[in-house]
Amino acid sequence: MDTVRNWRKRFCREGLPGLADRPRRGRPVRVESEYTRGGTLAYLAAYDVHRARVFGRCEPTTGIAPFSRLVDQAMTSEPYASARRVFWRRPRWPQRSGARPCRRAARSQARPRSPRRSR
């Protein structure tokens, strides 16, 4: 309340220029004029539980294409490149379940390894 009261008094005495910042005690504020905001990145990671190894990459967004690049990065290195089978456990994201992802996997010659549900 005191702050608002002081501003009001200064405004009545000096008008709009009275509301400008005044010099303060203590250390001056440091301002970095070259700083530009870069935004956020998505970190995608795959973890090998048998070898305790993490495959990771930073991408500008999440989605199917960045996830595919992560899979390609992991599958082009040994021992995964020469393995007969590799199992992936992934979250149940809505864009990764259903007929479209199965068709996409068939086009890339990879079979989805998720269990079928019986109803």
PDB file of N, CA and C in Angstrom:
ATOM      1  N   MET A   1       0.814  -1.195   0.000  1.00  0.00           N
ATOM      2  CA  MET A   1       0.000   0.000   0.000  1.00  0.00           C
ATOM      3  C   MET A   1       0.856   1.256   0.000  1.00  0.00           C
ATOM      4  N   ASP A   2       1.954   1.214   0.747  1.00  0.00           N
ATOM      5  CA  ASP A   2       2.806   2.396   0.805  1.00  0.00           C
ATOM      6  C   ASP A   2       3.394   2.709  -0.558  1.00  0.00           C
ATOM      7  N   THR A   3       3.704   1.674  -1.322  1.00  0.00           N
ATOM      8  CA  THR A   3       4.289   1.902  -2.638  1.00  0.00           C
ATOM      9  C   THR A   3       3.300   2.624  -3.543  1.00  0.00           C
ATOM     10  N   VAL A   4       2.064   2.172  -3.551  1.00  0.00           N
ATOM     11  CA  VAL A   4       1.043   2.813  -4.387  1.00  0.00           C
ATOM     12  C   VAL A   4       0.801   4.237  -3.910  1.00  0.00           C
ATOM     13  N   ARG A   5       0.781   4.430  -2.607  1.00  0.00           N
ATOM     14  CA  ARG A   5       0.569   5.772  -2.050  1.00  0.00           C
ATOM     15  C   ARG A   5       1.708   6.701  -2.473  1.00  0.00           C
ATOM     16  N   ASN A   6       2.945   6.200  -2.433  1.00  0.00           N
ATOM     17  CA  ASN A   6       4.091   7.026  -2.839  1.00  0.00           C
ATOM     18  C   ASN A   6       4.014   7.370  -4.317  1.00  0.00           C
ATOM     19  N   TRP A   7       3.645   6.405  -5.160  1.00  0.00           N
ATOM     20  CA  TRP A   7       3.522   6.681  -6.597  1.00  0.00           C
ATOM     21  C   TRP A   7       2.446   7.739  -6.849  1.00  0.00           C
ATOM     22  N   ARG A   8       1.356   7.627  -6.123  1.00  0.00           N
ATOM     23  CA  ARG A   8       0.251   8.576  -6.317  1.00  0.00           C
ATOM     24  C   ARG A   8       0.698   9.992  -5.940  1.00  0.00           C
ATOM     25  N   LYS A   9       1.421  10.105  -4.824  1.00  0.00           N
ATOM     26  CA  LYS A   9       1.921  11.422  -4.402  1.00  0.00           C
ATOM     27  C   LYS A   9       2.881  11.992  -5.438  1.00  0.00           C
ATOM     28  N   ARG A  10       3.792  11.145  -5.940  1.00  0.00           N
ATOM     29  CA  ARG A  10       4.742  11.614  -6.956  1.00  0.00           C
ATOM     30  C   ARG A  10       4.021  12.021  -8.227  1.00  0.00           C
ATOM     31  N   PHE A  11       2.988  11.280  -8.595  1.00  0.00           N
ATOM     32  CA  PHE A  11       2.238  11.621  -9.805  1.00  0.00           C
ATOM     33  C   PHE A  11       1.530  12.964  -9.637  1.00  0.00           C
ATOM     34  N   CYS A  12       0.961  13.201  -8.460  1.00  0.00           N
ATOM     35  CA  CYS A  12       0.280  14.472  -8.214  1.00  0.00           C
ATOM     36  C   CYS A  12       1.265  15.637  -8.214  1.00  0.00           C
ATOM     37  N   ARG A  13       2.481  15.406  -7.699  1.00  0.00           N
ATOM     38  CA  ARG A  13       3.488  16.462  -7.640  1.00  0.00           C
ATOM     39  C   ARG A  13       4.135  16.723  -8.997  1.00  0.00           C
ATOM     40  N   GLU A  14       4.533  15.628  -9.714  1.00  0.00           N
ATOM     41  CA  GLU A  14       5.396  15.783 -10.885  1.00  0.00           C
ATOM     42  C   GLU A  14       4.756  15.346 -12.196  1.00  0.00           C
ATOM     43  N   GLY A  15       3.607  14.744 -12.151  1.00  0.00           N
ATOM     44  CA  GLY A  15       2.978  14.264 -13.383  1.00  0.00           C
ATOM     45  C   GLY A  15       3.591  12.933 -13.816  1.00  0.00           C
ATOM     46  N   LEU A  16       3.487  12.629 -15.101  1.00  0.00           N
ATOM     47  CA  LEU A  16       3.996  11.355 -15.623  1.00  0.00           C
ATOM     48  C   LEU A  16       5.494  11.167 -15.437  1.00  0.00           C
ATOM     49  N   PRO A  17       6.336  12.208 -15.610  1.00  0.00           N
ATOM     50  CA  PRO A  17       7.765  11.993 -15.390  1.00  0.00           C
ATOM     51  C   PRO A  17       8.092  11.547 -13.964  1.00  0.00           C
ATOM     52  N   GLY A  18       7.223  11.828 -13.004  1.00  0.00           N
ATOM     53  CA  GLY A  18       7.463  11.412 -11.628  1.00  0.00           C
ATOM     54  C   GLY A  18       7.346   9.910 -11.430  1.00  0.00           C
ATOM     55  N   LEU A  19       6.720   9.213 -12.365  1.00  0.00           N
ATOM     56  CA  LEU A  19       6.560   7.766 -12.245  1.00  0.00           C
ATOM     57  C   LEU A  19       7.730   6.987 -12.828  1.00  0.00           C
ATOM     58  N   ALA A  20       8.679   7.664 -13.447  1.00  0.00           N
ATOM     59  CA  ALA A  20       9.838   6.975 -14.022  1.00  0.00           C
ATOM     60  C   ALA A  20      10.708   6.404 -12.907  1.00  0.00           C
ATOM     61  N   ASP A  21      11.474   5.376 -13.245  1.00  0.00           N
ATOM     62  CA  ASP A  21      12.371   4.768 -12.260  1.00  0.00           C
ATOM     63  C   ASP A  21      13.398   5.784 -11.800  1.00  0.00           C
ATOM     64  N   ARG A  22      13.640   5.783 -10.516  1.00  0.00           N
ATOM     65  CA  ARG A  22      14.635   6.676  -9.948  1.00  0.00           C
ATOM     66  C   ARG A  22      15.853   5.879  -9.541  1.00  0.00           C
ATOM     67  N   PRO A  23      17.003   6.542  -9.423  1.00  0.00           N
ATOM     68  CA  PRO A  23      18.199   5.831  -8.975  1.00  0.00           C
ATOM     69  C   PRO A  23      17.962   5.202  -7.602  1.00  0.00           C
ATOM     70  N   ARG A  24      18.501   3.996  -7.441  1.00  0.00           N
ATOM     71  CA  ARG A  24      18.312   3.263  -6.189  1.00  0.00           C
ATOM     72  C   ARG A  24      19.653   2.978  -5.548  1.00  0.00           C
ATOM     73  N   ARG A  25      19.581   2.613  -4.272  1.00  0.00           N
ATOM     74  CA  ARG A  25      20.786   2.203  -3.571  1.00  0.00           C
ATOM     75  C   ARG A  25      21.143   0.795  -4.006  1.00  0.00           C
ATOM     76  N   GLY A  26      22.402   0.439  -3.795  1.00  0.00           N
ATOM     77  CA  GLY A  26      22.836  -0.923  -4.053  1.00  0.00           C
ATOM     78  C   GLY A  26      23.424  -1.103  -5.439  1.00  0.00           C
ATOM     79  N   ARG A  27      23.601  -2.350  -5.773  1.00  0.00           N
ATOM     80  CA  ARG A  27      24.233  -2.721  -7.036  1.00  0.00           C
ATOM     81  C   ARG A  27      23.281  -2.461  -8.208  1.00  0.00           C
ATOM     82  N   PRO A  28      23.789  -1.863  -9.293  1.00  0.00           N
ATOM     83  CA  PRO A  28      22.919  -1.634 -10.448  1.00  0.00           C
ATOM     84  C   PRO A  28      22.554  -2.954 -11.137  1.00  0.00           C
ATOM     85  N   VAL A  29      21.431  -2.960 -11.787  1.00  0.00           N
ATOM     86  CA  VAL A  29      20.952  -4.151 -12.473  1.00  0.00           C
ATOM     87  C   VAL A  29      21.804  -4.396 -13.711  1.00  0.00           C
ATOM     88  N   ARG A  30      22.209  -5.656 -13.907  1.00  0.00           N
ATOM     89  CA  ARG A  30      22.973  -6.005 -15.104  1.00  0.00           C
ATOM     90  C   ARG A  30      22.007  -6.363 -16.222  1.00  0.00           C
ATOM     91  N   VAL A  31      22.232  -5.764 -17.367  1.00  0.00           N
ATOM     92  CA  VAL A  31      21.380  -6.032 -18.516  1.00  0.00           C
ATOM     93  C   VAL A  31      22.259  -6.550 -19.639  1.00  0.00           C
ATOM     94  N   GLU A  32      21.938  -7.722 -20.145  1.00  0.00           N
ATOM     95  CA  GLU A  32      22.682  -8.302 -21.265  1.00  0.00           C
ATOM     96  C   GLU A  32      21.940  -7.929 -22.541  1.00  0.00           C
ATOM     97  N   SER A  33      22.512  -7.028 -23.307  1.00  0.00           N
ATOM     98  CA  SER A  33      21.815  -6.538 -24.492  1.00  0.00           C
ATOM     99  C   SER A  33      21.903  -7.503 -25.666  1.00  0.00           C
ATOM    100  N   GLU A  34      22.825  -8.459 -25.619  1.00  0.00           N
ATOM    101  CA  GLU A  34      22.984  -9.377 -26.740  1.00  0.00           C
ATOM    102  C   GLU A  34      22.148 -10.638 -26.583  1.00  0.00           C
ATOM    103  N   TYR A  35      21.375 -10.740 -25.518  1.00  0.00           N
ATOM    104  CA  TYR A  35      20.587 -11.939 -25.261  1.00  0.00           C
ATOM    105  C   TYR A  35      19.403 -12.013 -26.218  1.00  0.00           C
ATOM    106  N   THR A  36      19.253 -13.142 -26.849  1.00  0.00           N
ATOM    107  CA  THR A  36      18.066 -13.388 -27.665  1.00  0.00           C
ATOM    108  C   THR A  36      17.432 -14.676 -27.184  1.00  0.00           C
ATOM    109  N   ARG A  37      16.148 -14.689 -27.159  1.00  0.00           N
ATOM    110  CA  ARG A  37      15.437 -15.865 -26.689  1.00  0.00           C
ATOM    111  C   ARG A  37      15.408 -16.902 -27.793  1.00  0.00           C
ATOM    112  N   GLY A  38      15.863 -18.096 -27.478  1.00  0.00           N
ATOM    113  CA  GLY A  38      15.969 -19.133 -28.494  1.00  0.00           C
ATOM    114  C   GLY A  38      14.811 -20.101 -28.537  1.00  0.00           C
ATOM    115  N   GLY A  39      13.924 -20.066 -27.576  1.00  0.00           N
ATOM    116  CA  GLY A  39      12.818 -21.010 -27.552  1.00  0.00           C
ATOM    117  C   GLY A  39      13.184 -22.276 -26.807  1.00  0.00           C
ATOM    118  N   THR A  40      12.370 -23.289 -26.973  1.00  0.00           N
ATOM    119  CA  THR A  40      12.589 -24.547 -26.265  1.00  0.00           C
ATOM    120  C   THR A  40      12.905 -25.657 -27.249  1.00  0.00           C
ATOM    121  N   LEU A  41      13.543 -26.685 -26.757  1.00  0.00           N
ATOM    122  CA  LEU A  41      13.838 -27.876 -27.546  1.00  0.00           C
ATOM    123  C   LEU A  41      13.220 -29.078 -26.859  1.00  0.00           C
ATOM    124  N   ALA A  42      12.973 -30.111 -27.634  1.00  0.00           N
ATOM    125  CA  ALA A  42      12.482 -31.377 -27.084  1.00  0.00           C
ATOM    126  C   ALA A  42      13.643 -32.359 -27.048  1.00  0.00           C
ATOM    127  N   TYR A  43      13.832 -33.004 -25.909  1.00  0.00           N
ATOM    128  CA  TYR A  43      14.881 -34.013 -25.785  1.00  0.00           C
ATOM    129  C   TYR A  43      14.222 -35.378 -25.854  1.00  0.00           C
ATOM    130  N   LEU A  44      14.562 -36.138 -26.881  1.00  0.00           N
ATOM    131  CA  LEU A  44      14.048 -37.492 -27.045  1.00  0.00           C
ATOM    132  C   LEU A  44      15.153 -38.460 -26.656  1.00  0.00           C
ATOM    133  N   ALA A  45      14.805 -39.483 -25.906  1.00  0.00           N
ATOM    134  CA  ALA A  45      15.821 -40.419 -25.436  1.00  0.00           C
ATOM    135  C   ALA A  45      15.294 -41.841 -25.491  1.00  0.00           C
ATOM    136  N   ALA A  46      16.201 -42.764 -25.764  1.00  0.00           N
ATOM    137  CA  ALA A  46      15.916 -44.196 -25.704  1.00  0.00           C
ATOM    138  C   ALA A  46      16.950 -44.807 -24.774  1.00  0.00           C
ATOM    139  N   TYR A  47      16.518 -45.726 -23.940  1.00  0.00           N
ATOM    140  CA  TYR A  47      17.393 -46.323 -22.928  1.00  0.00           C
ATOM    141  C   TYR A  47      17.504 -47.819 -23.159  1.00  0.00           C
ATOM    142  N   ASP A  48      18.731 -48.304 -23.252  1.00  0.00           N
ATOM    143  CA  ASP A  48      18.997 -49.733 -23.372  1.00  0.00           C
ATOM    144  C   ASP A  48      19.172 -50.280 -21.959  1.00  0.00           C
ATOM    145  N   VAL A  49      18.219 -51.115 -21.522  1.00  0.00           N
ATOM    146  CA  VAL A  49      18.246 -51.589 -20.137  1.00  0.00           C
ATOM    147  C   VAL A  49      19.344 -52.612 -19.900  1.00  0.00           C
ATOM    148  N   HIS A  50      19.786 -53.334 -20.934  1.00  0.00           N
ATOM    149  CA  HIS A  50      20.805 -54.358 -20.746  1.00  0.00           C
ATOM    150  C   HIS A  50      22.214 -53.775 -20.688  1.00  0.00           C
ATOM    151  N   ARG A  51      22.459 -52.720 -21.424  1.00  0.00           N
ATOM    152  CA  ARG A  51      23.798 -52.139 -21.468  1.00  0.00           C
ATOM    153  C   ARG A  51      23.895 -50.797 -20.748  1.00  0.00           C
ATOM    154  N   ALA A  52      22.804 -50.343 -20.179  1.00  0.00           N
ATOM    155  CA  ALA A  52      22.751 -49.052 -19.468  1.00  0.00           C
ATOM    156  C   ALA A  52      23.274 -47.924 -20.349  1.00  0.00           C
ATOM    157  N   ARG A  53      22.738 -47.840 -21.548  1.00  0.00           N
ATOM    158  CA  ARG A  53      23.163 -46.832 -22.510  1.00  0.00           C
ATOM    159  C   ARG A  53      21.959 -45.993 -22.922  1.00  0.00           C
ATOM    160  N   VAL A  54      22.174 -44.703 -23.064  1.00  0.00           N
ATOM    161  CA  VAL A  54      21.108 -43.790 -23.465  1.00  0.00           C
ATOM    162  C   VAL A  54      21.425 -43.240 -24.844  1.00  0.00           C
ATOM    163  N   PHE A  55      20.459 -43.318 -25.740  1.00  0.00           N
ATOM    164  CA  PHE A  55      20.543 -42.659 -27.040  1.00  0.00           C
ATOM    165  C   PHE A  55      19.651 -41.436 -26.940  1.00  0.00           C
ATOM    166  N   GLY A  56      20.197 -40.279 -27.183  1.00  0.00           N
ATOM    167  CA  GLY A  56      19.392 -39.077 -27.064  1.00  0.00           C
ATOM    168  C   GLY A  56      19.676 -38.095 -28.172  1.00  0.00           C
ATOM    169  N   ARG A  57      18.700 -37.248 -28.401  1.00  0.00           N
ATOM    170  CA  ARG A  57      18.856 -36.185 -29.387  1.00  0.00           C
ATOM    171  C   ARG A  57      17.908 -35.044 -29.054  1.00  0.00           C
ATOM    172  N   CYS A  58      18.327 -33.840 -29.405  1.00  0.00           N
ATOM    173  CA  CYS A  58      17.489 -32.655 -29.236  1.00  0.00           C
ATOM    174  C   CYS A  58      16.828 -32.336 -30.563  1.00  0.00           C
ATOM    175  N   GLU A  59      15.553 -32.067 -30.511  1.00  0.00           N
ATOM    176  CA  GLU A  59      14.779 -31.739 -31.701  1.00  0.00           C
ATOM    177  C   GLU A  59      13.980 -30.465 -31.424  1.00  0.00           C
ATOM    178  N   PRO A  60      13.661 -29.702 -32.477  1.00  0.00           N
ATOM    179  CA  PRO A  60      12.867 -28.492 -32.256  1.00  0.00           C
ATOM    180  C   PRO A  60      11.432 -28.794 -31.815  1.00  0.00           C
ATOM    181  N   THR A  61      10.894 -29.949 -32.222  1.00  0.00           N
ATOM    182  CA  THR A  61       9.534 -30.323 -31.832  1.00  0.00           C
ATOM    183  C   THR A  61       9.479 -31.820 -31.574  1.00  0.00           C
ATOM    184  N   THR A  62       8.360 -32.265 -31.051  1.00  0.00           N
ATOM    185  CA  THR A  62       8.119 -33.694 -30.922  1.00  0.00           C
ATOM    186  C   THR A  62       7.220 -34.128 -32.066  1.00  0.00           C
ATOM    187  N   GLY A  63       7.130 -35.402 -32.291  1.00  0.00           N
ATOM    188  CA  GLY A  63       6.262 -35.910 -33.344  1.00  0.00           C
ATOM    189  C   GLY A  63       6.822 -37.182 -33.943  1.00  0.00           C
ATOM    190  N   ILE A  64       6.237 -37.572 -35.050  1.00  0.00           N
ATOM    191  CA  ILE A  64       6.595 -38.834 -35.682  1.00  0.00           C
ATOM    192  C   ILE A  64       7.983 -38.760 -36.314  1.00  0.00           C
ATOM    193  N   ALA A  65       8.267 -37.692 -37.042  1.00  0.00           N
ATOM    194  CA  ALA A  65       9.561 -37.579 -37.725  1.00  0.00           C
ATOM    195  C   ALA A  65      10.733 -37.528 -36.734  1.00  0.00           C
ATOM    196  N   PRO A  66      10.673 -36.723 -35.667  1.00  0.00           N
ATOM    197  CA  PRO A  66      11.784 -36.749 -34.704  1.00  0.00           C
ATOM    198  C   PRO A  66      11.937 -38.107 -34.023  1.00  0.00           C
ATOM    199  N   PHE A  67      10.825 -38.777 -33.716  1.00  0.00           N
ATOM    200  CA  PHE A  67      10.900 -40.101 -33.106  1.00  0.00           C
ATOM    201  C   PHE A  67      11.532 -41.095 -34.074  1.00  0.00           C
ATOM    202  N   SER A  68      11.200 -40.987 -35.359  1.00  0.00           N
ATOM    203  CA  SER A  68      11.799 -41.877 -36.356  1.00  0.00           C
ATOM    204  C   SER A  68      13.305 -41.655 -36.461  1.00  0.00           C
ATOM    205  N   ARG A  69      13.737 -40.396 -36.354  1.00  0.00           N
ATOM    206  CA  ARG A  69      15.174 -40.122 -36.396  1.00  0.00           C
ATOM    207  C   ARG A  69      15.885 -40.715 -35.176  1.00  0.00           C
ATOM    208  N   LEU A  70      15.231 -40.691 -34.022  1.00  0.00           N
ATOM    209  CA  LEU A  70      15.809 -41.319 -32.834  1.00  0.00           C
ATOM    210  C   LEU A  70      15.929 -42.825 -33.022  1.00  0.00           C
ATOM    211  N   VAL A  71      14.901 -43.450 -33.584  1.00  0.00           N
ATOM    212  CA  VAL A  71      14.944 -44.891 -33.840  1.00  0.00           C
ATOM    213  C   VAL A  71      16.052 -45.210 -34.834  1.00  0.00           C
ATOM    214  N   ASP A  72      16.165 -44.415 -35.902  1.00  0.00           N
ATOM    215  CA  ASP A  72      17.232 -44.636 -36.886  1.00  0.00           C
ATOM    216  C   ASP A  72      18.613 -44.499 -36.245  1.00  0.00           C
ATOM    217  N   GLN A  73      18.772 -43.510 -35.361  1.00  0.00           N
ATOM    218  CA  GLN A  73      20.057 -43.320 -34.684  1.00  0.00           C
ATOM    219  C   GLN A  73      20.405 -44.544 -33.847  1.00  0.00           C
ATOM    220  N   ALA A  74      19.436 -45.078 -33.133  1.00  0.00           N
ATOM    221  CA  ALA A  74      19.711 -46.240 -32.288  1.00  0.00           C
ATOM    222  C   ALA A  74      19.911 -47.502 -33.120  1.00  0.00           C
ATOM    223  N   MET A  75      19.127 -47.681 -34.172  1.00  0.00           N
ATOM    224  CA  MET A  75      19.159 -48.929 -34.933  1.00  0.00           C
ATOM    225  C   MET A  75      20.329 -49.018 -35.903  1.00  0.00           C
ATOM    226  N   THR A  76      21.031 -47.934 -36.147  1.00  0.00           N
ATOM    227  CA  THR A  76      22.197 -47.996 -37.033  1.00  0.00           C
ATOM    228  C   THR A  76      23.485 -48.295 -36.273  1.00  0.00           C
ATOM    229  N   SER A  77      23.408 -48.400 -34.957  1.00  0.00           N
ATOM    230  CA  SER A  77      24.607 -48.720 -34.176  1.00  0.00           C
ATOM    231  C   SER A  77      24.530 -50.167 -33.703  1.00  0.00           C
ATOM    232  N   GLU A  78      25.695 -50.736 -33.491  1.00  0.00           N
ATOM    233  CA  GLU A  78      25.768 -52.117 -32.997  1.00  0.00           C
ATOM    234  C   GLU A  78      25.454 -52.141 -31.510  1.00  0.00           C
ATOM    235  N   PRO A  79      24.902 -53.154 -31.003  1.00  0.00           N
ATOM    236  CA  PRO A  79      24.524 -54.451 -31.551  1.00  0.00           C
ATOM    237  C   PRO A  79      23.129 -54.476 -32.162  1.00  0.00           C
ATOM    238  N   TYR A  80      22.461 -53.327 -32.239  1.00  0.00           N
ATOM    239  CA  TYR A  80      21.080 -53.304 -32.715  1.00  0.00           C
ATOM    240  C   TYR A  80      20.996 -53.481 -34.225  1.00  0.00           C
ATOM    241  N   ALA A  81      21.996 -53.008 -34.955  1.00  0.00           N
ATOM    242  CA  ALA A  81      21.954 -53.112 -36.415  1.00  0.00           C
ATOM    243  C   ALA A  81      22.011 -54.562 -36.875  1.00  0.00           C
ATOM    244  N   SER A  82      22.702 -55.419 -36.159  1.00  0.00           N
ATOM    245  CA  SER A  82      22.828 -56.814 -36.577  1.00  0.00           C
ATOM    246  C   SER A  82      21.924 -57.755 -35.780  1.00  0.00           C
ATOM    247  N   ALA A  83      21.101 -57.231 -34.900  1.00  0.00           N
ATOM    248  CA  ALA A  83      20.231 -58.086 -34.086  1.00  0.00           C
ATOM    249  C   ALA A  83      19.063 -58.614 -34.908  1.00  0.00           C
ATOM    250  N   ARG A  84      18.621 -59.820 -34.575  1.00  0.00           N
ATOM    251  CA  ARG A  84      17.466 -60.395 -35.265  1.00  0.00           C
ATOM    252  C   ARG A  84      16.181 -59.688 -34.856  1.00  0.00           C
ATOM    253  N   ARG A  85      16.061 -59.358 -33.568  1.00  0.00           N
ATOM    254  CA  ARG A  85      14.875 -58.672 -33.070  1.00  0.00           C
ATOM    255  C   ARG A  85      15.289 -57.615 -32.051  1.00  0.00           C
ATOM    256  N   VAL A  86      14.595 -56.500 -32.098  1.00  0.00           N
ATOM    257  CA  VAL A  86      14.787 -55.441 -31.114  1.00  0.00           C
ATOM    258  C   VAL A  86      13.398 -55.016 -30.659  1.00  0.00           C
ATOM    259  N   PHE A  87      13.184 -54.965 -29.365  1.00  0.00           N
ATOM    260  CA  PHE A  87      11.888 -54.590 -28.815  1.00  0.00           C
ATOM    261  C   PHE A  87      11.948 -53.167 -28.285  1.00  0.00           C
ATOM    262  N   TRP A  88      10.950 -52.395 -28.629  1.00  0.00           N
ATOM    263  CA  TRP A  88      10.840 -51.016 -28.186  1.00  0.00           C
ATOM    264  C   TRP A  88       9.624 -50.905 -27.283  1.00  0.00           C
ATOM    265  N   ARG A  89       9.799 -50.305 -26.139  1.00  0.00           N
ATOM    266  CA  ARG A  89       8.674 -49.987 -25.258  1.00  0.00           C
ATOM    267  C   ARG A  89       8.489 -48.496 -25.337  1.00  0.00           C
ATOM    268  N   ARG A  90       7.332 -48.083 -25.733  1.00  0.00           N
ATOM    269  CA  ARG A  90       7.074 -46.663 -25.923  1.00  0.00           C
ATOM    270  C   ARG A  90       5.782 -46.277 -25.222  1.00  0.00           C
ATOM    271  N   PRO A  91       5.590 -44.992 -24.929  1.00  0.00           N
ATOM    272  CA  PRO A  91       4.346 -44.563 -24.291  1.00  0.00           C
ATOM    273  C   PRO A  91       3.168 -44.756 -25.232  1.00  0.00           C
ATOM    274  N   ARG A  92       2.010 -44.846 -24.687  1.00  0.00           N
ATOM    275  CA  ARG A  92       0.793 -45.002 -25.482  1.00  0.00           C
ATOM    276  C   ARG A  92       0.285 -43.627 -25.914  1.00  0.00           C
ATOM    277  N   TRP A  93       1.000 -43.002 -26.805  1.00  0.00           N
ATOM    278  CA  TRP A  93       0.563 -41.714 -27.322  1.00  0.00           C
ATOM    279  C   TRP A  93      -0.565 -41.935 -28.308  1.00  0.00           C
ATOM    280  N   PRO A  94      -1.539 -41.031 -28.377  1.00  0.00           N
ATOM    281  CA  PRO A  94      -2.651 -41.225 -29.313  1.00  0.00           C
ATOM    282  C   PRO A  94      -2.198 -41.289 -30.771  1.00  0.00           C
ATOM    283  N   GLN A  95      -1.183 -40.522 -31.145  1.00  0.00           N
ATOM    284  CA  GLN A  95      -0.757 -40.525 -32.541  1.00  0.00           C
ATOM    285  C   GLN A  95       0.029 -41.776 -32.900  1.00  0.00           C
ATOM    286  N   ARG A  96       0.324 -42.641 -31.918  1.00  0.00           N
ATOM    287  CA  ARG A  96       1.106 -43.837 -32.189  1.00  0.00           C
ATOM    288  C   ARG A  96       0.280 -45.115 -32.071  1.00  0.00           C
ATOM    289  N   SER A  97      -1.013 -45.020 -31.920  1.00  0.00           N
ATOM    290  CA  SER A  97      -1.834 -46.219 -31.819  1.00  0.00           C
ATOM    291  C   SER A  97      -2.941 -46.156 -32.866  1.00  0.00           C
ATOM    292  N   GLY A  98      -3.271 -47.272 -33.428  1.00  0.00           N
ATOM    293  CA  GLY A  98      -4.329 -47.319 -34.418  1.00  0.00           C
ATOM    294  C   GLY A  98      -3.823 -47.816 -35.753  1.00  0.00           C
ATOM    295  N   ALA A  99      -4.656 -47.638 -36.773  1.00  0.00           N
ATOM    296  CA  ALA A  99      -4.356 -48.184 -38.095  1.00  0.00           C
ATOM    297  C   ALA A  99      -3.274 -47.387 -38.829  1.00  0.00           C
ATOM    298  N   ARG A 100      -3.296 -46.084 -38.705  1.00  0.00           N
ATOM    299  CA  ARG A 100      -2.316 -45.280 -39.449  1.00  0.00           C
ATOM    300  C   ARG A 100      -0.874 -45.597 -39.059  1.00  0.00           C
ATOM    301  N   PRO A 101      -0.530 -45.678 -37.770  1.00  0.00           N
ATOM    302  CA  PRO A 101       0.852 -46.045 -37.431  1.00  0.00           C
ATOM    303  C   PRO A 101       1.228 -47.440 -37.908  1.00  0.00           C
ATOM    304  N   CYS A 102       0.256 -48.363 -37.922  1.00  0.00           N
ATOM    305  CA  CYS A 102       0.554 -49.709 -38.422  1.00  0.00           C
ATOM    306  C   CYS A 102       0.873 -49.665 -39.912  1.00  0.00           C
ATOM    307  N   ARG A 103       0.115 -48.876 -40.668  1.00  0.00           N
ATOM    308  CA  ARG A 103       0.411 -48.739 -42.105  1.00  0.00           C
ATOM    309  C   ARG A 103       1.765 -48.062 -42.306  1.00  0.00           C
ATOM    310  N   ARG A 104       2.062 -47.047 -41.491  1.00  0.00           N
ATOM    311  CA  ARG A 104       3.346 -46.358 -41.594  1.00  0.00           C
ATOM    312  C   ARG A 104       4.487 -47.322 -41.285  1.00  0.00           C
ATOM    313  N   ALA A 105       4.312 -48.166 -40.282  1.00  0.00           N
ATOM    314  CA  ALA A 105       5.349 -49.138 -39.934  1.00  0.00           C
ATOM    315  C   ALA A 105       5.517 -50.166 -41.042  1.00  0.00           C
ATOM    316  N   ALA A 106       4.424 -50.564 -41.682  1.00  0.00           N
ATOM    317  CA  ALA A 106       4.521 -51.530 -42.777  1.00  0.00           C
ATOM    318  C   ALA A 106       5.269 -50.924 -43.961  1.00  0.00           C
ATOM    319  N   ARG A 107       5.051 -49.649 -44.204  1.00  0.00           N
ATOM    320  CA  ARG A 107       5.759 -48.991 -45.309  1.00  0.00           C
ATOM    321  C   ARG A 107       7.254 -48.937 -45.037  1.00  0.00           C
ATOM    322  N   SER A 108       7.634 -48.761 -43.773  1.00  0.00           N
ATOM    323  CA  SER A 108       9.059 -48.686 -43.460  1.00  0.00           C
ATOM    324  C   SER A 108       9.652 -50.062 -43.169  1.00  0.00           C
ATOM    325  N   GLN A 109       8.888 -51.113 -43.437  1.00  0.00           N
ATOM    326  CA  GLN A 109       9.319 -52.508 -43.302  1.00  0.00           C
ATOM    327  C   GLN A 109       9.654 -52.866 -41.862  1.00  0.00           C
ATOM    328  N   ALA A 110       9.010 -52.218 -40.930  1.00  0.00           N
ATOM    329  CA  ALA A 110       9.166 -52.565 -39.520  1.00  0.00           C
ATOM    330  C   ALA A 110       7.812 -53.018 -38.994  1.00  0.00           C
ATOM    331  N   ARG A 111       7.798 -54.055 -38.194  1.00  0.00           N
ATOM    332  CA  ARG A 111       6.541 -54.552 -37.643  1.00  0.00           C
ATOM    333  C   ARG A 111       6.339 -53.986 -36.245  1.00  0.00           C
ATOM    334  N   PRO A 112       5.146 -53.463 -35.968  1.00  0.00           N
ATOM    335  CA  PRO A 112       4.900 -52.986 -34.608  1.00  0.00           C
ATOM    336  C   PRO A 112       4.919 -54.145 -33.626  1.00  0.00           C
ATOM    337  N   ARG A 113       5.489 -53.938 -32.463  1.00  0.00           N
ATOM    338  CA  ARG A 113       5.657 -54.997 -31.471  1.00  0.00           C
ATOM    339  C   ARG A 113       4.701 -54.831 -30.291  1.00  0.00           C
ATOM    340  N   SER A 114       3.573 -54.188 -30.500  1.00  0.00           N
ATOM    341  CA  SER A 114       2.651 -54.016 -29.386  1.00  0.00           C
ATOM    342  C   SER A 114       1.687 -55.197 -29.330  1.00  0.00           C
ATOM    343  N   PRO A 115       1.314 -55.648 -28.138  1.00  0.00           N
ATOM    344  CA  PRO A 115       0.414 -56.802 -28.030  1.00  0.00           C
ATOM    345  C   PRO A 115      -0.990 -56.455 -28.499  1.00  0.00           C
ATOM    346  N   ARG A 116      -1.675 -57.451 -29.027  1.00  0.00           N
ATOM    347  CA  ARG A 116      -3.057 -57.242 -29.461  1.00  0.00           C
ATOM    348  C   ARG A 116      -3.981 -57.377 -28.272  1.00  0.00           C
ATOM    349  N   ARG A 117      -5.017 -56.592 -28.284  1.00  0.00           N
ATOM    350  CA  ARG A 117      -5.995 -56.648 -27.206  1.00  0.00           C
ATOM    351  C   ARG A 117      -7.168 -57.512 -27.641  1.00  0.00           C
ATOM    352  N   SER A 118      -7.608 -58.385 -26.786  1.00  0.00           N
ATOM    353  CA  SER A 118      -8.786 -59.197 -27.099  1.00  0.00           C
ATOM    354  C   SER A 118      -9.979 -58.609 -26.368  1.00  0.00           C
ATOM    355  N   ARG A 119     -11.089 -58.512 -27.079  1.00  0.00           N
ATOM    356  CA  ARG A 119     -12.292 -57.917 -26.471  1.00  0.00           C
ATOM    357  C   ARG A 119     -13.405 -58.909 -26.440  1.00  0.00           C
TER     358      ARG A 119
END
